[in-house]
């Protein structure tokens, strides 16, 4: 997997990024499509955005009040 399109949240506490598969993974991400994740920079906890969305993430915008 390759992480790309890194963006810092307005509050500076989360780093968002698109996960692009190199090959099918069989893990929590669809192994053939891009997914969106973020990491909490204070705790190190990673969150997968778009749970239940089976499409391909091509881009995203961080909202000023948080989230995408």
N, C-alpha and C. Protein backbone atom coordinates (compact mmCIF):
# COMPACT_ATOMS: atom_id res chain seq x y z
N UNK A 1 0.84 -1.18 0.00
CA UNK A 1 0.00 0.00 0.00
C UNK A 1 0.88 1.24 0.00
N UNK A 2 0.35 2.27 -0.63
CA UNK A 2 1.04 3.55 -0.69
C UNK A 2 0.12 4.61 -0.09
N UNK A 3 0.65 5.41 0.82
CA UNK A 3 -0.10 6.53 1.38
C UNK A 3 0.21 7.77 0.54
N UNK A 4 -0.84 8.50 0.14
CA UNK A 4 -0.64 9.70 -0.68
C UNK A 4 -1.69 10.74 -0.34
N UNK A 5 -1.55 11.94 -0.91
CA UNK A 5 -2.47 13.05 -0.70
C UNK A 5 -2.64 13.36 0.79
N UNK A 6 -1.53 13.52 1.50
CA UNK A 6 -1.55 13.80 2.93
C UNK A 6 -2.01 15.24 3.18
N UNK A 7 -2.94 15.39 4.15
CA UNK A 7 -3.44 16.70 4.54
C UNK A 7 -3.60 16.75 6.05
N UNK A 8 -3.16 17.84 6.65
CA UNK A 8 -3.29 18.05 8.08
C UNK A 8 -4.63 18.71 8.37
N UNK A 9 -5.31 18.25 9.42
CA UNK A 9 -6.58 18.85 9.81
C UNK A 9 -6.36 20.28 10.28
N UNK A 10 -7.40 21.13 10.24
CA UNK A 10 -7.25 22.53 10.66
C UNK A 10 -6.74 22.68 12.10
N UNK A 11 -7.09 21.75 12.98
CA UNK A 11 -6.63 21.85 14.37
C UNK A 11 -5.24 21.26 14.57
N UNK A 12 -4.66 20.67 13.51
CA UNK A 12 -3.31 20.12 13.57
C UNK A 12 -3.19 18.81 14.33
N UNK A 13 -4.32 18.17 14.64
CA UNK A 13 -4.30 16.95 15.44
C UNK A 13 -4.44 15.66 14.64
N UNK A 14 -4.87 15.76 13.38
CA UNK A 14 -5.09 14.57 12.56
C UNK A 14 -4.42 14.73 11.20
N UNK A 15 -3.87 13.65 10.71
CA UNK A 15 -3.28 13.61 9.38
C UNK A 15 -4.12 12.67 8.54
N UNK A 16 -4.72 13.19 7.48
CA UNK A 16 -5.55 12.41 6.57
C UNK A 16 -4.71 11.99 5.37
N UNK A 17 -5.03 10.81 4.82
CA UNK A 17 -4.28 10.33 3.65
C UNK A 17 -5.09 9.28 2.91
N UNK A 18 -4.82 9.18 1.61
CA UNK A 18 -5.45 8.18 0.76
C UNK A 18 -4.53 6.97 0.70
N UNK A 19 -5.11 5.79 0.90
CA UNK A 19 -4.38 4.52 0.80
C UNK A 19 -4.62 3.97 -0.60
N UNK A 20 -3.55 3.74 -1.33
CA UNK A 20 -3.64 3.15 -2.67
C UNK A 20 -3.00 1.78 -2.64
N UNK A 21 -3.75 0.75 -3.02
CA UNK A 21 -3.21 -0.61 -2.98
C UNK A 21 -2.18 -0.84 -4.08
N UNK A 22 -1.19 -1.63 -3.76
CA UNK A 22 -0.23 -2.09 -4.75
C UNK A 22 -0.70 -3.43 -5.30
N UNK A 23 -1.28 -4.22 -4.42
CA UNK A 23 -1.84 -5.52 -4.79
C UNK A 23 -2.98 -5.82 -3.83
N UNK A 24 -3.90 -6.72 -4.17
CA UNK A 24 -5.00 -7.06 -3.27
C UNK A 24 -4.48 -7.49 -1.90
N UNK A 25 -5.15 -6.98 -0.84
CA UNK A 25 -4.67 -7.22 0.52
C UNK A 25 -5.51 -8.20 1.30
N UNK A 26 -6.81 -8.22 1.05
CA UNK A 26 -7.69 -9.08 1.84
C UNK A 26 -7.90 -8.57 3.25
N UNK A 27 -7.45 -7.35 3.54
CA UNK A 27 -7.57 -6.77 4.87
C UNK A 27 -8.78 -5.89 4.99
N UNK A 28 -8.67 -4.84 5.84
CA UNK A 28 -9.82 -3.97 6.10
C UNK A 28 -10.14 -3.06 4.92
N UNK A 29 -9.22 -2.91 3.99
CA UNK A 29 -9.45 -2.08 2.81
C UNK A 29 -9.78 -2.97 1.62
N UNK A 30 -10.63 -2.46 0.73
CA UNK A 30 -10.86 -3.15 -0.53
C UNK A 30 -9.52 -3.15 -1.27
N UNK A 31 -9.02 -4.30 -1.62
CA UNK A 31 -7.68 -4.43 -2.17
C UNK A 31 -7.48 -3.88 -3.56
N UNK A 32 -8.53 -3.36 -4.19
CA UNK A 32 -8.38 -2.86 -5.56
C UNK A 32 -8.72 -1.38 -5.69
N UNK A 33 -9.16 -0.74 -4.61
CA UNK A 33 -9.59 0.66 -4.69
C UNK A 33 -8.94 1.49 -3.60
N UNK A 34 -8.83 2.80 -3.86
CA UNK A 34 -8.29 3.72 -2.88
C UNK A 34 -9.24 3.86 -1.70
N UNK A 35 -8.70 4.08 -0.52
CA UNK A 35 -9.48 4.30 0.69
C UNK A 35 -8.92 5.52 1.41
N UNK A 36 -9.70 6.08 2.34
CA UNK A 36 -9.29 7.26 3.09
C UNK A 36 -9.12 6.90 4.56
N UNK A 37 -7.96 7.22 5.11
CA UNK A 37 -7.67 6.99 6.52
C UNK A 37 -7.16 8.28 7.14
N UNK A 38 -7.15 8.31 8.46
CA UNK A 38 -6.50 9.40 9.18
C UNK A 38 -5.82 8.81 10.40
N UNK A 39 -4.83 9.52 10.89
CA UNK A 39 -4.16 9.12 12.12
C UNK A 39 -4.23 10.30 13.09
N UNK A 40 -4.61 10.00 14.34
CA UNK A 40 -4.62 11.00 15.40
C UNK A 40 -3.18 11.19 15.84
N UNK A 41 -2.64 12.37 15.67
CA UNK A 41 -1.23 12.61 15.95
C UNK A 41 -0.91 12.65 17.44
N UNK A 42 -1.94 12.74 18.29
CA UNK A 42 -1.69 12.73 19.73
C UNK A 42 -1.73 11.33 20.32
N UNK A 43 -2.54 10.44 19.72
CA UNK A 43 -2.68 9.08 20.27
C UNK A 43 -2.09 8.00 19.36
N UNK A 44 -1.92 8.31 18.07
CA UNK A 44 -1.42 7.33 17.12
C UNK A 44 -2.49 6.39 16.59
N UNK A 45 -3.75 6.62 16.97
CA UNK A 45 -4.86 5.77 16.53
C UNK A 45 -5.24 6.11 15.09
N UNK A 46 -5.37 5.08 14.26
CA UNK A 46 -5.76 5.25 12.86
C UNK A 46 -7.25 5.00 12.71
N UNK A 47 -7.92 5.85 11.90
CA UNK A 47 -9.34 5.70 11.63
C UNK A 47 -9.55 5.52 10.14
N UNK A 48 -10.41 4.57 9.78
CA UNK A 48 -10.77 4.33 8.38
C UNK A 48 -12.07 5.06 8.09
N UNK A 49 -12.05 6.00 7.16
CA UNK A 49 -13.23 6.78 6.79
C UNK A 49 -13.95 6.09 5.64
N UNK A 50 -15.26 6.28 5.57
CA UNK A 50 -16.04 5.71 4.48
C UNK A 50 -16.36 4.24 4.69
N UNK A 51 -16.49 3.83 5.96
CA UNK A 51 -16.87 2.43 6.22
C UNK A 51 -18.18 2.14 5.49
N UNK A 52 -18.23 1.04 4.80
CA UNK A 52 -19.42 0.66 4.06
C UNK A 52 -19.47 1.25 2.65
N UNK A 53 -18.54 2.15 2.32
CA UNK A 53 -18.47 2.71 0.98
C UNK A 53 -17.57 1.81 0.14
N UNK A 54 -18.11 1.25 -0.91
CA UNK A 54 -17.36 0.31 -1.74
C UNK A 54 -16.75 0.95 -2.98
N UNK A 55 -16.86 2.26 -3.10
CA UNK A 55 -16.31 2.94 -4.27
C UNK A 55 -14.84 3.31 -4.09
N UNK A 56 -14.31 3.94 -5.10
CA UNK A 56 -12.91 4.34 -5.15
C UNK A 56 -12.78 5.80 -4.72
N UNK A 57 -11.99 6.10 -3.70
CA UNK A 57 -11.76 7.48 -3.24
C UNK A 57 -10.73 8.13 -4.17
N UNK A 58 -11.13 9.17 -4.85
CA UNK A 58 -10.22 9.86 -5.77
C UNK A 58 -9.65 11.13 -5.15
N UNK A 59 -10.34 11.69 -4.17
CA UNK A 59 -9.91 12.91 -3.50
C UNK A 59 -10.82 13.17 -2.32
N UNK A 60 -10.49 14.18 -1.53
CA UNK A 60 -11.30 14.50 -0.37
C UNK A 60 -11.03 15.94 0.05
N UNK A 61 -11.93 16.48 0.86
CA UNK A 61 -11.79 17.82 1.41
C UNK A 61 -12.04 17.74 2.90
N UNK A 62 -11.15 18.32 3.68
CA UNK A 62 -11.32 18.36 5.13
C UNK A 62 -12.21 19.56 5.47
N UNK A 63 -13.26 19.31 6.25
CA UNK A 63 -14.16 20.39 6.66
C UNK A 63 -13.49 21.24 7.75
N UNK A 64 -13.80 22.51 7.78
CA UNK A 64 -13.18 23.41 8.77
C UNK A 64 -13.56 23.05 10.19
N UNK A 65 -14.73 22.44 10.40
CA UNK A 65 -15.17 22.04 11.73
C UNK A 65 -14.75 20.60 12.07
N UNK A 66 -13.97 19.98 11.21
CA UNK A 66 -13.49 18.61 11.42
C UNK A 66 -14.18 17.62 10.51
N UNK A 67 -13.56 16.50 10.29
CA UNK A 67 -14.10 15.47 9.42
C UNK A 67 -13.87 15.78 7.95
N UNK A 68 -14.44 14.92 7.11
CA UNK A 68 -14.30 15.08 5.66
C UNK A 68 -15.65 15.08 5.00
